[in-house]
């Protein structure tokens, strides 16, 4: 459970840094996502989740 909370905290750190360093680009990315179809966002989300699971599998063995 500690690993899960650590991972979630790291997500917040990474997102916070991105918003702090590139606020204009992040606004454009959110605006672009709002214009996308739900099906495409869902597919990209599933692909990102799959890539994340694969990366954890590689790192953790």
N, C-alpha and C. Protein backbone atom coordinates (compact mmCIF):
# COMPACT_ATOMS: atom_id res chain seq x y z
N UNK A 1 0.82 -1.19 0.00
CA UNK A 1 0.00 0.00 0.00
C UNK A 1 0.87 1.26 0.00
N UNK A 2 2.00 1.17 0.66
CA UNK A 2 2.92 2.31 0.68
C UNK A 2 3.43 2.63 -0.72
N UNK A 3 3.68 1.59 -1.53
CA UNK A 3 4.12 1.82 -2.91
C UNK A 3 3.07 2.56 -3.72
N UNK A 4 1.81 2.23 -3.50
CA UNK A 4 0.72 2.89 -4.22
C UNK A 4 0.69 4.37 -3.88
N UNK A 5 0.76 4.70 -2.61
CA UNK A 5 0.74 6.11 -2.21
C UNK A 5 1.98 6.85 -2.70
N UNK A 6 3.11 6.18 -2.72
CA UNK A 6 4.33 6.79 -3.24
C UNK A 6 4.16 7.09 -4.73
N UNK A 7 3.60 6.15 -5.47
CA UNK A 7 3.38 6.36 -6.91
C UNK A 7 2.42 7.52 -7.15
N UNK A 8 1.34 7.58 -6.39
CA UNK A 8 0.38 8.67 -6.55
C UNK A 8 1.02 10.02 -6.20
N UNK A 9 1.85 10.04 -5.18
CA UNK A 9 2.53 11.28 -4.81
C UNK A 9 3.49 11.71 -5.92
N UNK A 10 4.16 10.77 -6.54
CA UNK A 10 5.06 11.10 -7.64
C UNK A 10 4.30 11.65 -8.85
N UNK A 11 3.13 11.12 -9.09
CA UNK A 11 2.29 11.66 -10.17
C UNK A 11 1.97 13.13 -9.89
N UNK A 12 1.62 13.43 -8.65
CA UNK A 12 1.33 14.82 -8.28
C UNK A 12 2.55 15.71 -8.44
N UNK A 13 3.72 15.20 -8.06
CA UNK A 13 4.95 15.97 -8.22
C UNK A 13 5.21 16.26 -9.69
N UNK A 14 5.12 15.24 -10.52
CA UNK A 14 5.40 15.42 -11.95
C UNK A 14 4.40 16.39 -12.58
N UNK A 15 3.11 16.22 -12.27
CA UNK A 15 2.11 17.13 -12.83
C UNK A 15 2.31 18.54 -12.33
N UNK A 16 2.62 18.69 -11.06
CA UNK A 16 2.86 20.02 -10.51
C UNK A 16 4.03 20.72 -11.17
N UNK A 17 5.10 19.97 -11.42
CA UNK A 17 6.27 20.55 -12.08
C UNK A 17 5.91 20.97 -13.50
N UNK A 18 5.17 20.13 -14.20
CA UNK A 18 4.76 20.47 -15.57
C UNK A 18 3.91 21.74 -15.59
N UNK A 19 2.95 21.85 -14.67
CA UNK A 19 2.11 23.05 -14.62
C UNK A 19 2.93 24.28 -14.24
N UNK A 20 3.91 24.11 -13.35
CA UNK A 20 4.73 25.25 -12.92
C UNK A 20 5.66 25.72 -14.03
N UNK A 21 6.24 24.78 -14.77
CA UNK A 21 7.22 25.15 -15.80
C UNK A 21 6.58 25.53 -17.14
N UNK A 22 5.48 24.90 -17.48
CA UNK A 22 4.87 25.09 -18.80
C UNK A 22 3.36 25.33 -18.71
N UNK A 23 2.93 26.39 -18.03
CA UNK A 23 1.48 26.59 -17.86
C UNK A 23 0.74 26.78 -19.18
N UNK A 24 1.34 27.49 -20.14
CA UNK A 24 0.67 27.70 -21.43
C UNK A 24 0.50 26.40 -22.19
N UNK A 25 1.55 25.60 -22.22
CA UNK A 25 1.48 24.32 -22.93
C UNK A 25 0.48 23.37 -22.26
N UNK A 26 0.43 23.40 -20.94
CA UNK A 26 -0.52 22.53 -20.24
C UNK A 26 -1.96 22.96 -20.52
N UNK A 27 -2.21 24.28 -20.57
CA UNK A 27 -3.55 24.76 -20.91
C UNK A 27 -3.94 24.31 -22.31
N UNK A 28 -2.98 24.42 -23.24
CA UNK A 28 -3.28 23.98 -24.62
C UNK A 28 -3.55 22.48 -24.67
N UNK A 29 -2.80 21.70 -23.89
CA UNK A 29 -3.00 20.25 -23.87
C UNK A 29 -4.39 19.91 -23.32
N UNK A 30 -4.80 20.60 -22.26
CA UNK A 30 -6.13 20.36 -21.70
C UNK A 30 -7.21 20.77 -22.70
N UNK A 31 -7.03 21.91 -23.35
CA UNK A 31 -8.01 22.36 -24.35
C UNK A 31 -8.09 21.36 -25.50
N UNK A 32 -6.95 20.83 -25.90
CA UNK A 32 -6.93 19.83 -26.97
C UNK A 32 -7.66 18.57 -26.53
N UNK A 33 -7.43 18.14 -25.30
CA UNK A 33 -8.11 16.94 -24.78
C UNK A 33 -9.61 17.15 -24.71
N UNK A 34 -10.04 18.36 -24.35
CA UNK A 34 -11.47 18.64 -24.28
C UNK A 34 -12.14 18.54 -25.65
N UNK A 35 -11.37 18.78 -26.70
CA UNK A 35 -11.92 18.71 -28.05
C UNK A 35 -11.90 17.32 -28.65
N UNK A 36 -11.26 16.38 -27.98
CA UNK A 36 -11.17 15.01 -28.51
C UNK A 36 -12.43 14.21 -28.21
N UNK A 37 -12.68 13.24 -29.04
CA UNK A 37 -13.81 12.34 -28.81
C UNK A 37 -13.50 11.44 -27.62
N UNK A 38 -14.56 11.05 -26.89
CA UNK A 38 -14.40 10.19 -25.72
C UNK A 38 -13.71 8.88 -26.06
N UNK A 39 -14.07 8.32 -27.20
CA UNK A 39 -13.50 7.03 -27.61
C UNK A 39 -11.99 7.14 -27.76
N UNK A 40 -11.52 8.22 -28.36
CA UNK A 40 -10.08 8.39 -28.56
C UNK A 40 -9.36 8.61 -27.23
N UNK A 41 -9.95 9.42 -26.35
CA UNK A 41 -9.37 9.62 -25.02
C UNK A 41 -9.30 8.31 -24.24
N UNK A 42 -10.35 7.52 -24.36
CA UNK A 42 -10.39 6.23 -23.67
C UNK A 42 -9.28 5.32 -24.20
N UNK A 43 -9.10 5.29 -25.51
CA UNK A 43 -8.05 4.45 -26.10
C UNK A 43 -6.66 4.92 -25.68
N UNK A 44 -6.44 6.24 -25.69
CA UNK A 44 -5.14 6.76 -25.25
C UNK A 44 -4.90 6.49 -23.77
N UNK A 45 -5.95 6.60 -22.95
CA UNK A 45 -5.82 6.29 -21.53
C UNK A 45 -5.48 4.84 -21.28
N UNK A 46 -6.14 3.95 -22.01
CA UNK A 46 -5.85 2.52 -21.87
C UNK A 46 -4.44 2.19 -22.35
N UNK A 47 -4.00 2.84 -23.42
CA UNK A 47 -2.64 2.63 -23.92
C UNK A 47 -1.62 3.12 -22.90
N UNK A 48 -1.87 4.28 -22.29
CA UNK A 48 -0.96 4.81 -21.28
C UNK A 48 -0.92 3.90 -20.05
N UNK A 49 -2.08 3.40 -19.64
CA UNK A 49 -2.13 2.50 -18.50
C UNK A 49 -1.37 1.20 -18.81
N UNK A 50 -1.56 0.67 -20.00
CA UNK A 50 -0.85 -0.54 -20.40
C UNK A 50 0.66 -0.33 -20.43
N UNK A 51 1.07 0.81 -20.95
CA UNK A 51 2.49 1.14 -20.97
C UNK A 51 3.04 1.27 -19.55
N UNK A 52 2.27 1.86 -18.67
CA UNK A 52 2.68 1.98 -17.27
C UNK A 52 2.81 0.64 -16.59
N UNK A 53 1.86 -0.25 -16.83
CA UNK A 53 1.93 -1.60 -16.25
C UNK A 53 3.16 -2.32 -16.78
N UNK A 54 3.44 -2.19 -18.06
CA UNK A 54 4.61 -2.82 -18.65
C UNK A 54 5.90 -2.27 -18.03
N UNK A 55 5.95 -0.94 -17.84
CA UNK A 55 7.14 -0.32 -17.24
C UNK A 55 7.35 -0.81 -15.81
N UNK A 56 6.28 -0.90 -15.04
CA UNK A 56 6.40 -1.41 -13.66
C UNK A 56 6.87 -2.86 -13.69
N UNK A 57 6.34 -3.63 -14.61
CA UNK A 57 6.74 -5.04 -14.73
C UNK A 57 8.24 -5.15 -15.04
N UNK A 58 8.72 -4.28 -15.95
CA UNK A 58 10.15 -4.30 -16.29
C UNK A 58 11.01 -3.92 -15.09
N UNK A 59 10.59 -2.88 -14.38
CA UNK A 59 11.40 -2.39 -13.26
C UNK A 59 11.35 -3.33 -12.07
N UNK A 60 10.17 -3.82 -11.75
CA UNK A 60 9.99 -4.66 -10.57
C UNK A 60 10.28 -6.14 -10.81
N UNK A 61 10.26 -6.54 -12.08
CA UNK A 61 10.56 -7.93 -12.40
C UNK A 61 9.41 -8.79 -12.09
